[in-house]
Each structure stands twice: as structure tokens, then as C-alpha cells.
Amino acid sequence: MIMVTGANGQLASLTLQELAERNVPALGGSRTPGDGQRHLDFDEPAGLDLTGVSTLVLVSAGYAEDDQVIARHQALLDAAVRDGVVHVIYTSLTASGDHLGFALAHRATEKLVKASGLDWTVLRNGLYAELFGALLTWTPDGLESAFGDGALSAVARADLAAATAVVAGHPTAHVGRTYDLVGDPITAEDIAERLDVVHRTIGLSEYRARLLADDTLLPFQPPMLTSIATSVRHGFLGNSSPDLAQLLDRPLTDALAVAADTAAATRPGAR
């Protein structure tokens, strides 16, 4: 049986949907399980139950400091070894993302996965096109961001879910493989042009100050978001790889269209 963790999250839920559409039986695991899902709380190691699971899709349990994320992943991997899981698939971060503020937890988890003794596959996911669009800010004159003219090899979340389903459906074909799953490079200017508005670049210090003043963000998020902005701005996330298209065996979803649609949906007055 396949289990996908974080079942109510956007990537995991899409992965479960893809598996269902391919008639591949799979179970979702979640801290807040819905119908047909198994309770799975990484912060309660004693209660982790992976019995009957042969292939575990470990969707990164982010949104915390590195030590907490890594401890969560270690606890799940320990349970996987104990309960007889054969293969673990980890959704990691693109190879060019080492400069990002959240890369360490991903790279540490990759090491834990490889040291677990389980068969493994690492999916190094690019940053979502949806995220790129959402990080642009609307002004009366158009869009602004701290991305400058840097390009991001953004990828539609649905494409990453489909790739995960491909690997989970036939795990033995992907043992010991690391895939770099990125899309075609796009810029904030490209998004603005698609929406027929102008794009204005702001400095990183101004961007960081805005983030620090936002009391809706958790303490680790301003440096994380700033690291994305400076990495895009200075050309570290425009890498390319054929891995995603080869896994999907079809053209990739238009990341520019996805990013533009996401940005358009956040425009003041948008319905």
C-alpha cells in the first residue's frame, strides 16, 4: 500500500487525486485525518502507525524551524523502518535551491532517507508557479516585487503531484534515483506583461522590512521569503532539467499562465 503524508496539504492532496485517477490504491496520512485517512502526527512519534505501508511518500513537513522539521522526518523514518516500509519517496528541494533559507532541512532529510536502509527516491521539486505569482504585490500602478529581472524555473504544483504519482505507482523503477523537477524559467516581468501591467522592482532591504512588519508571518518566514527573493534576483533559481518532462511523458503545464492566474486572483477587486 502507498501512503502519502500531509494528506490535506495542497501537494499531497493533488498526489492522492492523481493516484486515484490512475487507479492506484493509496492512503492519506494526516494530523487531522478525513474519511479514509490515517491519523499521522509527526510530533507524536509513539503514535506513528505505518503498518501495511510498502511505499511511503514523505511530503516535507515544513512550516517550522529546521530542528523541528528534521526531528519530524526522523521520527517518521524510524517508524517506517520499524513497521516494514520498503520504499520512501521524499519531496525535497531543487538542486539549485541550496542558497534558500529552508534548504538545510531538505538536504538533512535526504541524508536521513539514504541512511535509513530503505529503498528511496528523492524528488527535488522546483518552487511552485503558484508561489511565484502569490509573492507579487499589487499597487495602483501594477505589480512590484524584490525579484528584479531574475528568472525562476517555476513549476505548476499539479505537475509535481503527477510526477510523484508516477514514481509512487512504480517505485522499483526509481530506486536510488534523484530527480530535479523544475519548469521553464519565467520572470516577474513576464507575469506583468501577461497581465498587461507594469512591474516595479523594490530593494531587498525594503522587502525584508515589510516582511518583518507583517505580524501574520511566523518568525522563520521573513528570512525564508527574503532568501527566495535574493536567489531569484541574482540568478540562482533559473536552472533547467529534463527530468520532469521525462517522468510525465508530456509537455509541462504553462508555469507562466499559472503564475499569472495566481497573481490576477490576488488583485484588489478580483472575483
Protein backbone atom coordinates (compact mmCIF):
# COMPACT_ATOMS: atom_id res chain seq x y z
CA MET A 1 0.00 0.00 0.00
CA ILE A 2 1.06 3.57 -0.70
CA MET A 3 0.75 6.22 1.99
CA VAL A 4 1.04 9.95 1.26
CA THR A 5 1.76 12.15 4.28
CA GLY A 6 0.32 15.62 4.80
CA ALA A 7 -2.79 14.41 3.02
CA ASN A 8 -4.74 17.63 3.48
CA GLY A 9 -1.96 19.81 2.10
CA GLN A 10 -2.05 21.04 -1.46
CA LEU A 11 0.73 18.87 -2.92
CA ALA A 12 -0.28 15.70 -1.07
CA SER A 13 -3.98 16.04 -1.86
CA LEU A 14 -3.19 16.50 -5.54
CA THR A 15 -0.89 13.48 -5.42
CA LEU A 16 -3.65 11.35 -3.90
CA GLN A 17 -6.02 12.60 -6.59
CA GLU A 18 -3.51 11.67 -9.31
CA LEU A 19 -3.07 8.20 -7.86
CA ALA A 20 -6.84 7.71 -7.72
CA GLU A 21 -7.18 8.78 -11.35
CA ARG A 22 -4.53 6.19 -12.25
CA ASN A 23 -6.43 3.53 -10.27
CA VAL A 24 -3.50 3.13 -7.89
CA PRO A 25 -4.71 2.45 -4.33
CA ALA A 26 -3.27 4.90 -1.81
CA LEU A 27 -3.92 6.08 1.72
CA GLY A 28 -3.54 9.58 3.09
CA GLY A 29 -1.92 10.26 6.43
CA SER A 30 -2.67 13.49 8.31
CA ARG A 31 -2.58 15.15 11.70
CA THR A 32 -6.25 15.96 11.06
CA PRO A 33 -7.42 12.93 9.07
CA GLY A 34 -10.53 12.95 6.98
CA ASP A 35 -12.64 9.99 5.93
CA GLY A 36 -10.50 7.05 4.88
CA GLN A 37 -7.28 8.67 6.12
CA ARG A 38 -4.97 7.52 8.90
CA HIS A 39 -4.01 9.72 11.83
CA LEU A 40 -0.33 10.65 11.48
CA ASP A 41 1.18 13.31 13.73
CA PHE A 42 4.93 13.68 13.30
CA ASP A 43 5.13 15.43 16.66
CA GLU A 44 3.79 12.30 18.40
CA PRO A 45 6.36 9.64 17.44
CA ALA A 46 4.91 6.98 19.71
CA GLY A 47 1.63 7.10 17.82
CA LEU A 48 3.01 6.84 14.29
CA ASP A 49 1.49 3.81 12.57
CA LEU A 50 2.79 2.74 9.16
CA THR A 51 1.71 -0.89 9.34
CA GLY A 52 0.69 -2.23 5.96
CA VAL A 53 2.52 0.55 4.10
CA SER A 54 5.02 -0.58 1.48
CA THR A 55 5.69 2.77 -0.24
CA LEU A 56 5.78 5.96 1.82
CA VAL A 57 5.53 9.35 0.11
CA LEU A 58 7.06 11.72 2.65
CA VAL A 59 5.85 15.19 1.80
CA SER A 60 8.10 17.59 3.64
CA ALA A 61 6.67 18.70 6.99
CA GLY A 62 7.83 22.31 6.69
CA TYR A 63 6.45 25.42 8.34
CA ALA A 64 8.73 25.14 11.35
CA GLU A 65 12.35 25.72 12.32
CA ASP A 66 14.93 23.31 10.90
CA ASP A 67 15.42 21.30 14.09
CA GLN A 68 11.71 20.61 14.40
CA VAL A 69 11.29 19.69 10.71
CA ILE A 70 14.27 17.32 10.79
CA ALA A 71 13.08 15.70 14.04
CA ARG A 72 9.65 15.14 12.49
CA HIS A 73 11.16 13.48 9.43
CA GLN A 74 13.50 11.33 11.54
CA ALA A 75 10.58 10.14 13.65
CA LEU A 76 8.62 9.10 10.56
CA LEU A 77 11.60 7.33 9.01
CA ASP A 78 12.20 5.44 12.27
CA ALA A 79 8.57 4.33 12.20
CA ALA A 80 8.93 3.32 8.54
CA VAL A 81 11.89 1.07 9.34
CA ARG A 82 10.10 -0.40 12.37
CA ASP A 83 6.85 -1.09 10.51
CA GLY A 84 8.35 -2.69 7.42
CA VAL A 85 8.05 0.05 4.80
CA VAL A 86 10.07 -0.91 1.72
CA HIS A 87 10.44 2.34 -0.23
CA VAL A 88 10.36 6.01 0.77
CA ILE A 89 9.84 8.85 -1.71
CA TYR A 90 10.84 12.24 -0.35
CA THR A 91 9.66 15.54 -1.84
CA SER A 92 12.74 17.71 -1.47
CA LEU A 93 14.02 20.99 -2.95
CA THR A 94 15.53 21.65 -6.37
CA ALA A 95 19.30 21.21 -6.65
CA SER A 96 19.81 24.93 -7.24
CA GLY A 97 17.99 25.80 -4.02
CA ASP A 98 20.91 25.39 -1.64
CA HIS A 99 21.01 29.17 -1.14
CA LEU A 100 17.44 29.22 0.16
CA GLY A 101 16.75 29.68 3.84
CA PHE A 102 14.80 26.40 4.05
CA ALA A 103 17.27 24.21 2.13
CA LEU A 104 19.09 22.77 5.12
CA ALA A 105 16.14 20.76 6.41
CA HIS A 106 15.65 19.26 2.95
CA ARG A 107 19.29 18.29 2.49
CA ALA A 108 19.46 16.87 6.01
CA THR A 109 16.36 14.81 5.35
CA GLU A 110 17.81 13.49 2.11
CA LYS A 111 20.76 12.18 4.15
CA LEU A 112 18.39 10.59 6.68
CA VAL A 113 16.42 8.93 3.89
CA LYS A 114 19.54 7.49 2.31
CA ALA A 115 20.87 6.29 5.67
CA SER A 116 17.59 4.61 6.63
CA GLY A 117 18.33 1.35 4.83
CA LEU A 118 15.08 1.66 2.90
CA ASP A 119 14.84 1.85 -0.87
CA TRP A 120 14.49 5.52 -1.73
CA THR A 121 13.75 8.12 -4.38
CA VAL A 122 14.32 11.85 -3.94
CA LEU A 123 12.14 14.31 -5.86
CA ARG A 124 13.89 17.68 -5.80
CA ASN A 125 10.93 19.94 -6.50
CA GLY A 126 11.25 23.39 -8.01
CA LEU A 127 9.41 26.33 -6.48
CA TYR A 128 5.74 26.49 -7.32
CA ALA A 129 4.48 28.79 -10.06
CA GLU A 130 1.57 29.46 -7.72
CA LEU A 131 4.00 30.73 -5.08
CA PHE A 132 5.80 33.00 -7.54
CA GLY A 133 2.52 34.63 -8.54
CA ALA A 134 1.38 34.96 -4.94
CA LEU A 135 4.58 36.72 -3.88
CA LEU A 136 3.97 39.63 -6.25
CA THR A 137 2.34 42.68 -4.69
CA TRP A 138 -0.32 44.82 -6.34
CA THR A 139 -0.03 48.60 -6.33
CA PRO A 140 -2.21 51.21 -8.06
CA ASP A 141 0.34 51.21 -10.90
CA GLY A 142 0.70 47.44 -11.36
CA LEU A 143 2.90 44.81 -9.74
CA GLU A 144 6.00 45.12 -7.61
CA SER A 145 8.46 42.67 -6.12
CA ALA A 146 12.04 42.25 -4.97
CA PHE A 147 12.74 39.73 -7.75
CA GLY A 148 14.32 42.22 -10.14
CA ASP A 149 14.79 40.74 -13.60
CA GLY A 150 15.85 37.35 -12.24
CA ALA A 151 14.24 34.19 -13.58
CA LEU A 152 12.68 31.31 -11.64
CA SER A 153 12.28 27.83 -13.10
CA ALA A 154 8.79 27.68 -11.65
CA VAL A 155 6.66 24.57 -11.91
CA ALA A 156 2.94 24.00 -11.55
CA ARG A 157 2.08 22.16 -8.35
CA ALA A 158 -0.13 19.76 -10.32
CA ASP A 159 2.85 18.66 -12.43
CA LEU A 160 4.84 17.83 -9.30
CA ALA A 161 1.90 15.85 -7.93
CA ALA A 162 1.65 13.94 -11.20
CA ALA A 163 5.38 13.14 -11.13
CA THR A 164 5.08 11.93 -7.54
CA ALA A 165 2.21 9.66 -8.55
CA VAL A 166 4.26 8.25 -11.44
CA VAL A 167 7.11 7.32 -9.10
CA ALA A 168 4.86 6.02 -6.31
CA GLY A 169 2.93 3.85 -8.77
CA HIS A 170 6.09 2.05 -9.90
CA PRO A 171 8.67 2.62 -7.16
CA THR A 172 11.03 -0.19 -8.13
CA ALA A 173 11.77 1.61 -11.41
CA HIS A 174 13.06 4.60 -9.49
CA VAL A 175 15.13 3.10 -6.67
CA GLY A 176 18.17 5.21 -5.80
CA ARG A 177 17.23 7.99 -8.19
CA THR A 178 17.26 11.73 -7.53
CA TYR A 179 15.17 13.83 -9.91
CA ASP A 180 15.40 17.60 -10.33
CA LEU A 181 11.84 18.67 -11.12
CA VAL A 182 11.78 22.21 -12.47
CA GLY A 183 9.92 24.07 -15.20
CA ASP A 184 10.86 26.73 -17.72
CA PRO A 185 12.37 29.98 -16.38
CA ILE A 186 9.96 32.90 -16.01
CA THR A 187 10.37 36.38 -14.56
CA ALA A 188 8.16 38.79 -12.65
CA GLU A 189 8.29 40.99 -15.73
CA ASP A 190 6.91 38.10 -17.80
CA ILE A 191 3.97 37.82 -15.41
CA ALA A 192 3.33 41.56 -15.55
CA GLU A 193 3.40 41.51 -19.34
CA ARG A 194 0.96 38.60 -19.40
CA LEU A 195 -1.39 40.68 -17.23
CA ASP A 196 -0.72 43.85 -19.26
CA VAL A 197 0.57 45.83 -16.27
CA VAL A 198 3.94 47.25 -15.29
CA HIS A 199 6.36 45.65 -12.85
CA ARG A 200 8.39 47.71 -10.37
CA THR A 201 11.39 46.33 -8.51
CA ILE A 202 11.97 47.20 -4.86
CA GLY A 203 15.17 46.69 -2.87
CA LEU A 204 15.77 43.72 -0.63
CA SER A 205 16.03 45.90 2.47
CA GLU A 206 12.60 47.37 1.79
CA TYR A 207 11.20 43.90 1.17
CA ARG A 208 12.68 42.50 4.39
CA ALA A 209 11.33 45.46 6.38
CA ARG A 210 7.84 44.81 5.04
CA LEU A 211 8.06 41.16 5.96
CA LEU A 212 9.30 41.89 9.46
CA ALA A 213 6.41 44.30 9.96
CA ASP A 214 3.85 41.66 8.95
CA ASP A 215 2.56 40.13 12.18
CA THR A 216 0.81 37.33 10.29
CA LEU A 217 4.18 35.72 9.47
CA LEU A 218 5.93 33.23 11.74
CA PRO A 219 9.45 34.20 12.91
CA PHE A 220 11.26 31.94 10.43
CA GLN A 221 9.26 33.14 7.42
CA PRO A 222 10.74 36.62 6.71
CA PRO A 223 14.28 35.27 6.21
CA MET A 224 12.87 32.36 4.20
CA LEU A 225 10.96 34.65 1.85
CA THR A 226 13.86 37.08 1.56
CA SER A 227 16.12 34.19 0.56
CA ILE A 228 13.73 33.34 -2.27
CA ALA A 229 13.74 36.94 -3.48
CA THR A 230 17.52 37.34 -3.47
CA SER A 231 18.09 33.90 -5.03
CA VAL A 232 15.74 34.71 -7.91
CA ARG A 233 17.05 38.26 -8.24
CA HIS A 234 20.67 37.15 -8.50
CA GLY A 235 20.14 34.27 -10.90
CA PHE A 236 20.38 31.17 -8.72
CA LEU A 237 17.00 29.58 -9.47
CA GLY A 238 16.80 29.63 -13.26
CA ASN A 239 18.15 26.10 -13.70
CA SER A 240 16.80 23.63 -16.21
CA SER A 241 16.37 19.85 -16.21
CA PRO A 242 14.59 17.34 -18.47
CA ASP A 243 13.59 15.14 -15.52
CA LEU A 244 10.03 16.37 -15.03
CA ALA A 245 9.02 16.17 -18.69
CA GLN A 246 10.57 12.72 -18.95
CA LEU A 247 8.71 11.43 -15.89
CA LEU A 248 5.40 12.84 -17.10
CA ASP A 249 5.96 11.93 -20.76
CA ARG A 250 4.00 15.03 -21.77
CA PRO A 251 4.56 18.78 -22.09
CA LEU A 252 4.69 20.66 -18.81
CA THR A 253 1.84 22.87 -17.68
CA ASP A 254 2.45 26.51 -18.64
CA ALA A 255 4.05 27.86 -15.46
CA LEU A 256 3.74 31.46 -16.66
CA ALA A 257 -0.01 31.07 -17.09
CA VAL A 258 -0.32 29.51 -13.63
CA ALA A 259 1.73 32.27 -12.00
CA ALA A 260 -0.19 34.99 -13.85
CA ASP A 261 -3.54 33.48 -12.91
CA THR A 262 -2.47 33.32 -9.27
CA ALA A 263 -1.33 36.94 -9.31
CA ALA A 264 -4.52 38.04 -11.05
CA ALA A 265 -6.64 36.33 -8.38
CA THR A 266 -5.00 38.46 -5.67
CA ARG A 267 -5.61 41.74 -7.49
CA PRO A 268 -7.77 44.09 -5.40
CA GLY A 269 -11.33 43.81 -6.62
CA ALA A 270 -10.72 40.46 -8.35
CA ARG A 271 -13.56 37.97 -8.06
